[in-house]
Protein backbone atom coordinates (compact mmCIF):
# COMPACT_ATOMS: atom_id res chain seq x y z
CA MET A 1 0.00 0.00 0.00
CA VAL A 2 2.77 2.43 0.92
CA GLU A 3 4.70 1.56 -2.24
CA LYS A 4 1.63 2.23 -4.39
CA LEU A 5 1.04 5.56 -2.66
CA ILE A 6 4.68 6.59 -3.20
CA SER A 7 4.56 5.52 -6.84
CA LEU A 8 1.31 7.42 -7.39
CA SER A 9 2.82 10.54 -5.83
CA LEU A 10 5.96 10.33 -7.96
CA ARG A 11 3.93 9.97 -11.13
CA ASN A 12 1.69 12.94 -10.21
CA ARG A 13 4.10 15.46 -8.74
CA VAL A 14 2.10 18.50 -9.87
CA LEU A 15 -1.05 17.14 -8.24
CA VAL A 16 0.81 16.51 -4.97
CA LEU A 17 2.26 20.04 -4.98
CA LEU A 18 -1.17 21.55 -5.70
CA LEU A 19 -2.67 19.49 -2.88
CA ALA A 20 0.05 20.67 -0.48
CA ALA A 21 -0.45 24.29 -1.56
CA GLY A 22 -4.20 23.94 -1.09
CA LEU A 23 -3.77 22.54 2.41
CA PHE A 24 -1.35 25.33 3.28
CA GLY A 25 -3.79 28.00 2.04
CA TRP A 26 -6.65 26.36 3.93
CA GLY A 27 -4.48 26.34 7.05
CA VAL A 28 -3.71 30.06 6.73
CA TYR A 29 -7.43 30.75 6.32
CA ALA A 30 -8.23 28.65 9.40
CA LEU A 31 -5.52 30.49 11.35
CA ARG A 32 -7.18 33.83 10.61
CA ARG A 33 -10.62 32.54 11.58
CA ASN A 34 -9.58 30.63 14.68
CA PRO A 35 -10.56 32.38 17.95
CA ILE A 36 -7.63 33.77 19.94
CA ASP A 37 -7.55 33.70 23.73
CA ALA A 38 -4.93 33.51 26.44
CA ILE A 39 -6.36 30.52 28.29
CA PRO A 40 -8.50 27.60 27.08
CA ASP A 41 -12.18 27.61 28.03
CA LEU A 42 -12.62 24.41 30.05
CA SER A 43 -15.95 25.40 31.62
CA GLU A 44 -18.90 23.04 31.52
CA ASN A 45 -21.69 23.31 28.98
CA GLN A 46 -24.23 24.82 31.34
CA VAL A 47 -27.36 26.98 31.44
CA ILE A 48 -28.10 29.04 34.56
CA VAL A 49 -31.65 29.77 35.75
CA PHE A 50 -31.78 32.75 38.13
CA THR A 51 -34.77 33.66 40.31
CA GLU A 52 -35.04 36.65 42.65
CA TRP A 53 -37.46 36.88 45.58
CA SER A 54 -36.49 39.80 47.76
CA GLY A 55 -36.52 39.47 51.52
CA ARG A 56 -36.98 35.68 51.66
CA SER A 57 -34.72 33.38 53.61
CA PRO A 58 -32.63 30.66 51.91
CA GLN A 59 -34.87 27.93 53.34
CA VAL A 60 -38.02 29.52 51.90
CA LEU A 61 -36.36 29.91 48.51
CA GLU A 62 -35.15 26.30 48.65
CA ASP A 63 -38.63 24.95 49.41
CA GLN A 64 -40.74 27.15 47.13
CA VAL A 65 -38.44 28.02 44.23
CA THR A 66 -35.26 25.93 43.93
CA TYR A 67 -36.78 22.51 44.62
CA PRO A 68 -39.78 22.94 42.22
CA LEU A 69 -37.46 24.15 39.45
CA VAL A 70 -34.91 21.36 39.92
CA SER A 71 -37.57 18.64 40.03
CA ASN A 72 -39.35 19.91 36.89
CA LEU A 73 -36.25 20.64 34.79
CA GLN A 74 -34.90 17.09 35.07
CA GLY A 75 -36.79 15.83 32.03
CA ILE A 76 -34.90 18.00 29.54
CA PRO A 77 -33.02 15.82 27.01
CA LYS A 78 -29.23 15.49 27.16
CA VAL A 79 -28.99 16.95 30.67
CA ARG A 80 -26.08 15.39 32.56
CA ASN A 81 -26.55 17.02 35.95
CA ILE A 82 -28.65 19.65 37.73
CA ARG A 83 -27.41 21.66 40.70
CA GLY A 84 -29.40 24.05 42.85
CA ALA A 85 -28.24 26.78 45.22
CA SER A 86 -30.35 29.01 47.45
CA MET A 87 -29.27 32.15 49.26
CA PHE A 88 -30.93 35.17 50.79
CA GLY A 89 -33.32 36.58 48.19
CA MET A 90 -31.87 34.60 45.27
CA SER A 91 -32.06 31.12 43.78
CA PHE A 92 -29.71 29.57 41.20
CA VAL A 93 -30.24 26.37 39.21
CA TYR A 94 -27.33 25.10 37.10
CA LEU A 95 -28.18 22.69 34.27
CA ILE A 96 -25.10 20.84 32.98
CA PHE A 97 -25.56 19.45 29.44
CA GLU A 98 -23.51 16.96 27.48
CA ASP A 99 -20.38 18.38 25.87
CA ASP A 100 -21.62 17.86 22.30
CA VAL A 101 -24.86 19.82 22.84
CA ASP A 102 -25.20 23.23 21.19
CA LEU A 103 -25.53 25.89 23.89
CA TYR A 104 -28.38 27.77 22.23
CA TRP A 105 -30.32 24.55 21.60
CA ALA A 106 -29.97 23.85 25.33
CA ARG A 107 -31.17 27.35 26.25
CA SER A 108 -34.27 26.98 24.07
CA ARG A 109 -35.11 23.62 25.69
CA VAL A 110 -34.79 25.17 29.16
CA LEU A 111 -37.08 28.06 28.16
CA GLU A 112 -39.72 25.61 26.93
CA ARG A 113 -39.72 23.77 30.24
CA LEU A 114 -39.72 26.99 32.29
CA ASN A 115 -43.07 27.95 30.76
CA TYR A 116 -44.57 24.99 32.62
CA ALA A 117 -42.43 25.12 35.76
CA GLN A 118 -43.24 28.78 36.39
CA ARG A 119 -46.86 27.87 37.21
CA LEU A 120 -45.61 25.93 40.23
CA LEU A 121 -43.85 28.96 41.72
CA PRO A 122 -45.38 31.64 43.99
CA GLN A 123 -47.29 34.41 42.25
CA GLY A 124 -45.13 37.18 40.85
CA ILE A 125 -41.93 35.11 40.74
CA THR A 126 -40.35 34.91 37.27
CA PRO A 127 -37.22 32.78 36.69
CA THR A 128 -34.82 34.08 34.04
CA LEU A 129 -31.89 32.62 32.11
CA GLY A 130 -28.37 33.77 32.86
CA PRO A 131 -26.17 35.27 30.13
CA ASP A 132 -24.82 33.03 27.38
CA GLY A 133 -21.27 33.40 28.66
CA THR A 134 -18.85 31.16 30.53
CA GLY A 135 -16.72 31.32 33.64
CA VAL A 136 -13.80 32.78 31.70
CA GLY A 137 -15.94 35.25 29.75
CA HIS A 138 -14.97 38.33 31.80
CA VAL A 139 -12.69 39.93 29.22
CA LEU A 140 -12.70 43.58 30.28
CA TRP A 141 -13.37 45.60 33.45
CA TYR A 142 -13.69 49.39 33.38
CA THR A 143 -14.52 52.24 35.74
CA LEU A 144 -15.81 55.75 35.16
CA LYS A 145 -13.51 58.65 36.06
CA ALA A 146 -15.92 61.44 36.96
CA LYS A 147 -14.57 64.07 39.33
CA GLY A 148 -17.28 66.10 41.02
CA MET A 149 -20.09 63.66 40.16
CA ASP A 150 -21.67 61.72 43.02
CA LEU A 151 -21.87 57.93 42.98
CA GLY A 152 -25.62 57.90 42.35
CA GLU A 153 -25.27 60.00 39.18
CA GLN A 154 -22.38 57.82 38.00
CA ARG A 155 -24.40 54.64 38.51
CA ALA A 156 -27.36 56.12 36.64
CA LEU A 157 -25.04 57.10 33.78
CA GLN A 158 -23.61 53.57 33.72
CA ASP A 159 -27.00 51.82 33.87
CA TRP A 160 -28.94 53.97 31.41
CA TYR A 161 -26.34 55.02 28.85
CA VAL A 162 -22.98 53.25 28.91
CA LYS A 163 -24.31 49.75 29.54
CA PHE A 164 -26.85 49.83 26.72
CA ALA A 165 -24.29 51.20 24.26
CA LEU A 166 -21.65 48.53 25.00
CA GLN A 167 -24.19 45.71 24.82
CA THR A 168 -24.64 46.42 21.11
CA VAL A 169 -21.05 45.32 20.36
CA PRO A 170 -21.02 41.96 18.50
CA GLY A 171 -19.84 39.15 20.74
CA VAL A 172 -20.83 40.83 24.03
CA SER A 173 -23.26 38.79 26.11
CA GLU A 174 -23.76 41.16 29.02
CA VAL A 175 -22.39 44.27 30.68
CA ALA A 176 -22.73 43.88 34.45
CA SER A 177 -22.72 47.13 36.44
CA PHE A 178 -21.04 47.46 39.83
CA GLY A 179 -20.39 50.14 42.45
CA GLY A 180 -22.20 53.32 43.35
CA PHE A 181 -25.80 53.76 44.45
CA GLN A 182 -28.90 52.75 42.54
CA LYS A 183 -31.27 55.67 43.04
CA GLN A 184 -34.72 55.05 44.47
CA TYR A 185 -37.52 56.91 46.20
CA GLN A 186 -37.62 55.81 49.83
CA ILE A 187 -40.89 56.14 51.75
CA THR A 188 -40.55 55.82 55.52
CA LEU A 189 -44.02 55.25 57.01
CA ASP A 190 -45.04 56.36 60.48
CA PRO A 191 -47.14 53.52 62.00
CA THR A 192 -48.67 55.90 64.57
CA LYS A 193 -50.07 58.17 61.86
CA LEU A 194 -51.30 55.21 59.83
CA ASN A 195 -53.18 53.96 62.87
CA TYR A 196 -54.57 57.43 63.63
CA TYR A 197 -55.91 57.92 60.11
CA ARG A 198 -56.99 54.26 59.95
CA ILE A 199 -55.12 53.59 56.70
CA PRO A 200 -53.81 50.02 56.29
CA LEU A 201 -50.37 49.42 54.81
CA PRO A 202 -51.67 47.57 51.68
CA ASP A 203 -53.63 50.69 50.72
CA VAL A 204 -50.42 52.74 50.76
CA LEU A 205 -48.60 50.19 48.59
CA ARG A 206 -51.53 50.03 46.19
CA ALA A 207 -51.69 53.82 45.92
CA VAL A 208 -47.99 54.14 45.12
CA ARG A 209 -48.22 51.50 42.38
CA ALA A 210 -51.37 53.02 40.87
CA ASN A 211 -50.08 56.58 40.79
CA ASN A 212 -46.83 55.81 38.98
CA ASN A 213 -48.37 55.14 35.60
CA ASP A 214 -49.56 56.69 32.35
CA VAL A 215 -53.15 56.00 31.30
CA GLY A 216 -54.87 56.41 27.97
CA GLY A 217 -58.26 58.04 27.35
CA ARG A 218 -60.67 58.21 24.48
CA LYS A 219 -60.55 60.29 21.34
CA PHE A 220 -62.81 63.29 20.79
CA GLU A 221 -63.24 65.73 17.92
CA MET A 222 -63.35 69.50 18.19
CA SER A 223 -63.25 72.03 15.35
CA ASP A 224 -62.62 69.29 12.77
CA MET A 225 -59.60 68.13 14.77
CA GLY A 226 -59.16 64.84 16.58
CA TYR A 227 -57.68 64.83 20.08
CA ILE A 228 -56.59 61.90 22.22
CA VAL A 229 -56.79 62.37 25.98
CA ARG A 230 -54.25 60.63 28.17
CA GLY A 231 -53.11 61.00 31.75
CA LEU A 232 -49.44 61.54 32.59
CA GLY A 233 -48.74 60.04 35.98
CA TYR A 234 -45.12 58.96 36.08
CA ILE A 235 -43.14 60.10 39.12
CA GLU A 236 -40.63 62.84 38.31
CA ASN A 237 -39.60 64.21 41.70
CA ILE A 238 -40.07 63.79 45.45
CA GLN A 239 -43.05 66.16 45.51
CA ASP A 240 -44.97 63.85 43.17
CA VAL A 241 -44.59 61.05 45.70
CA GLU A 242 -45.49 63.24 48.67
CA ASN A 243 -48.74 64.41 47.07
CA MET A 244 -50.09 60.94 46.28
CA PRO A 245 -53.48 60.36 47.95
CA VAL A 246 -53.72 57.19 50.03
CA GLY A 247 -57.15 57.60 51.63
CA THR A 248 -59.52 59.99 53.38
CA TYR A 249 -60.17 60.92 56.99
CA GLN A 250 -63.38 62.75 57.84
CA SER A 251 -63.77 63.81 54.19
CA THR A 252 -60.20 65.13 54.13
CA PRO A 253 -57.78 63.53 51.64
CA ILE A 254 -54.71 62.00 53.22
CA ARG A 255 -51.47 62.16 51.23
CA ILE A 256 -48.19 60.30 51.51
CA LYS A 257 -46.48 63.22 53.25
CA ASP A 258 -49.14 63.14 55.96
CA VAL A 259 -48.22 59.62 57.05
CA ALA A 260 -44.60 59.24 55.92
CA THR A 261 -41.37 60.98 54.97
CA VAL A 262 -40.05 60.72 51.40
CA GLN A 263 -36.43 61.01 50.35
CA MET A 264 -34.15 60.10 47.48
CA GLY A 265 -31.62 57.45 48.50
CA GLY A 266 -29.64 54.44 47.36
CA ASP A 267 -30.64 50.79 47.26
CA LEU A 268 -29.35 48.42 49.92
CA ARG A 269 -25.72 47.46 49.26
CA LEU A 270 -23.87 44.40 50.44
CA GLY A 271 -20.41 45.78 49.60
CA ILE A 272 -18.46 48.54 47.88
CA PHE A 273 -16.07 48.73 44.93
CA ASP A 274 -12.79 50.46 45.68
CA VAL A 275 -10.04 51.28 43.14
CA ASN A 276 -6.45 51.15 44.41
CA GLY A 277 -7.49 52.46 47.81
CA GLU A 278 -8.44 55.83 46.29
CA GLY A 279 -12.14 55.58 47.01
CA GLU A 280 -15.32 54.12 45.58
CA ALA A 281 -15.91 53.89 41.84
CA VAL A 282 -18.61 52.89 39.36
CA GLY A 283 -18.00 50.69 36.35
CA GLY A 284 -18.92 47.54 34.50
CA ILE A 285 -17.78 44.05 33.54
CA VAL A 286 -17.93 43.07 29.87
CA VAL A 287 -18.90 39.40 29.53
CA MET A 288 -18.03 37.73 26.23
CA ARG A 289 -20.54 35.46 24.50
CA TYR A 290 -19.78 31.73 24.37
CA GLY A 291 -17.39 30.70 21.56
CA GLU A 292 -16.45 34.23 20.46
CA ASN A 293 -12.98 35.54 19.64
CA ALA A 294 -11.84 37.28 22.83
CA ASP A 295 -9.27 39.49 21.12
CA ASN A 296 -11.75 40.74 18.50
CA VAL A 297 -14.45 41.37 21.11
CA ILE A 298 -12.10 43.42 23.31
CA ASN A 299 -10.91 45.53 20.38
CA ALA A 300 -14.52 46.14 19.30
CA VAL A 301 -15.49 47.17 22.85
CA LYS A 302 -12.57 49.62 23.02
CA ALA A 303 -13.62 51.15 19.70
CA LYS A 304 -17.19 51.49 20.99
CA MET A 305 -15.91 53.13 24.18
CA GLN A 306 -14.31 55.88 22.10
CA GLU A 307 -17.68 56.56 20.48
CA VAL A 308 -19.55 56.49 23.81
CA GLU A 309 -16.99 58.77 25.47
CA ARG A 310 -17.94 61.59 23.11
CA GLY A 311 -21.48 61.55 24.51
CA LEU A 312 -20.53 61.51 28.18
CA PRO A 313 -20.76 64.65 30.35
CA PRO A 314 -17.65 66.87 30.42
CA GLY A 315 -14.88 65.40 32.54
CA VAL A 316 -16.20 61.81 32.48
CA LYS A 317 -13.86 59.24 30.94
CA PHE A 318 -13.29 55.49 30.88
CA ASP A 319 -10.52 53.91 32.92
CA ILE A 320 -9.80 50.28 32.03
CA ALA A 321 -9.05 48.25 35.15
CA TYR A 322 -8.60 44.82 33.56
CA ASP A 323 -7.90 44.09 29.91
CA ARG A 324 -7.30 40.51 28.84
CA SER A 325 -6.08 41.57 25.40
CA THR A 326 -2.69 42.46 26.91
CA LEU A 327 -2.32 38.94 28.30
CA ILE A 328 -3.60 37.44 25.05
CA GLU A 329 -1.21 39.38 22.82
CA ARG A 330 1.83 38.75 25.02
CA ALA A 331 1.05 35.05 25.44
CA ILE A 332 0.41 34.47 21.74
CA ALA A 333 3.47 36.53 20.76
CA SER A 334 5.64 34.50 23.14
CA VAL A 335 4.44 31.17 21.78
CA ARG A 336 4.64 32.32 18.16
CA GLY A 337 8.17 33.57 18.75
CA THR A 338 9.05 30.15 20.14
CA LEU A 339 7.55 28.52 17.05
CA VAL A 340 9.69 30.68 14.75
CA GLU A 341 12.82 30.00 16.81
CA GLU A 342 12.19 26.25 16.72
CA MET A 343 11.58 26.28 12.97
CA VAL A 344 14.85 28.14 12.37
CA THR A 345 16.75 25.87 14.76
CA VAL A 346 15.38 22.69 13.19
CA SER A 347 16.21 24.04 9.72
CA LEU A 348 19.83 24.74 10.65
CA ILE A 349 20.26 21.34 12.30
CA VAL A 350 18.81 19.54 9.27
CA LEU A 351 21.10 21.47 6.93
CA LEU A 352 24.08 20.74 9.14
CA PHE A 353 23.50 17.01 9.45
CA LEU A 354 22.37 16.27 5.89
CA PHE A 355 24.66 18.87 4.30
CA HIS A 356 22.46 18.72 1.21
CA ALA A 357 20.26 21.70 0.36
CA ARG A 358 17.64 19.86 -1.72
CA SER A 359 17.20 17.13 0.89
CA ALA A 360 16.91 19.70 3.65
CA LEU A 361 14.32 21.67 1.65
CA ILE A 362 12.12 18.59 1.33
CA ILE A 363 12.16 18.16 5.10
CA LEU A 364 11.63 21.83 5.92
CA ILE A 365 8.48 22.00 3.79
CA GLN A 366 6.87 19.68 6.33
CA VAL A 367 7.09 22.22 9.17
CA PRO A 368 4.81 25.03 7.87
CA LEU A 369 2.56 22.50 6.11
CA SER A 370 2.07 20.43 9.28
CA ILE A 371 1.38 23.56 11.36
CA ALA A 372 -1.17 24.71 8.76
CA ILE A 373 -2.92 21.32 8.90
CA ALA A 374 -2.92 21.57 12.72
CA PHE A 375 -4.84 24.86 12.53
CA ILE A 376 -7.33 23.25 10.15
CA LEU A 377 -8.02 20.63 12.80
CA LEU A 378 -8.21 23.27 15.57
CA GLU A 379 -10.83 25.14 13.57
CA ALA A 380 -12.76 21.95 12.78
CA PHE A 381 -12.96 20.84 16.42
CA GLY A 382 -13.66 24.34 17.81
CA VAL A 383 -10.40 24.69 19.75
CA SER A 384 -9.13 28.25 20.14
CA SER A 385 -5.56 29.42 19.67
CA ASN A 386 -4.35 29.68 23.24
CA ILE A 387 -1.29 28.92 25.35
CA MET A 388 -2.11 25.22 25.60
CA SER A 389 -2.87 24.52 21.94
CA LEU A 390 0.05 26.57 20.54
CA THR A 391 2.47 25.07 23.07
CA GLY A 392 1.41 21.61 21.91
CA ILE A 393 2.26 22.58 18.34
CA ALA A 394 5.61 23.99 19.49
CA LEU A 395 6.47 20.77 21.32
CA ALA A 396 5.60 18.71 18.26
CA ILE A 397 7.90 20.54 15.82
CA GLY A 398 10.86 18.36 16.71
CA VAL A 399 8.81 15.23 16.09
CA ILE A 400 7.41 16.54 12.78
CA VAL A 401 10.78 16.42 11.00
CA ASP A 402 11.95 13.08 12.42
CA ASP A 403 10.15 10.88 9.88
CA GLY A 404 11.20 13.20 7.05
CA ILE A 405 14.85 12.98 8.06
CA VAL A 406 14.74 9.18 8.18
CA VAL A 407 12.97 8.80 4.83
CA VAL A 408 14.97 11.44 2.93
CA GLU A 409 18.31 10.27 4.31
CA ASN A 410 17.49 6.67 3.43
CA ALA A 411 16.42 7.67 -0.08
CA TYR A 412 19.58 9.76 -0.50
CA ARG A 413 21.74 6.79 0.58
CA HIS A 414 20.03 4.42 -1.86
CA LEU A 415 20.39 6.91 -4.71
CA SER A 416 24.06 7.39 -3.89
CA GLU A 417 24.67 3.63 -3.84
CA ALA A 418 22.84 3.21 -7.14
CA GLN A 419 24.85 5.96 -8.82
CA ASN A 420 28.18 4.82 -7.37
CA PRO A 421 28.04 1.02 -7.21
CA THR A 422 30.78 -0.55 -5.10
CA PRO A 423 32.40 -3.88 -6.10
């Protein structure tokens, strides 16, 4: 079989060269398309279901949310394992799928089952899917440098402008905000006044919900013109909250400010974000989508930041706290430099030992061709160009030329003996 293959190759040299050139070109194309990252993504193929129920203890969440979800999500096909975790006010369910399952197929199956499982949960509780990222998807952290702006304004700027702009970048799964204060209207009720005016607490809650809304009216015509009446009721300031009616007492309307105090404050925080010991800061974490090219995503996010920065208030700028592209570029450059050094070293050694340029050229062609074929296989199996995969190629360079040296040297010896027969 080997003899026939060698004979066929010798009779069709042009075809063999064209095939080698085609493989090399395909390898270069695969190299350009292959995702680049510093570290391999070894995370499990999982889908996260997150449920929030404020103010409830972990045991309540375990009994009424986590356990019903885990027990009803077990019938999803190709699920390998399901893990549940309950904490104060939050529930997490991790569905681990088989490695060969497409992530977005798995997410759609989980959504189908959640439509049924949600009916088993308490009223008003809605489970949601986590982002389509992985544990190593945090590719960039940034903070806002805004001197003279309070933390509440910075957080509002991050949540309602910066975050939405960066989420439009291709390959970004989520931009998670951190730090600062999330602004909210805080109503502190006086139980003595509520009891005096005989106003129950549910009536106050119902009044606040009902008065923060826009309502539509009917259409009427006047002077050959059509008009649509609607009521504008969204809260715009503290006075709007204070003047909300919550009931009556002896034909006198009772407002929020009669039974409570209203102020603008921040949501409850469980920690702070400090930068280099210089004080609190506000920023975000860019999470890369599963299977994307980390280097391309980071560069696209930086380009988008330059566009967003032009629309920020004067004096507000981005400050990048963590950028994986630096690690990626240095790691890939180090391994690629090692590859080039090994190729040059192997070439010199082959030339030195064979001391025949044409024989050495035949062997040296194997090195770039074999590396190109390796990148074809990396692309086919979805393996990114990272420290592990490129180091494996670097370690294999010495083995790549071994068979070529043996075959070419043996062929050269036989040709020499045939041309110079000894008695």
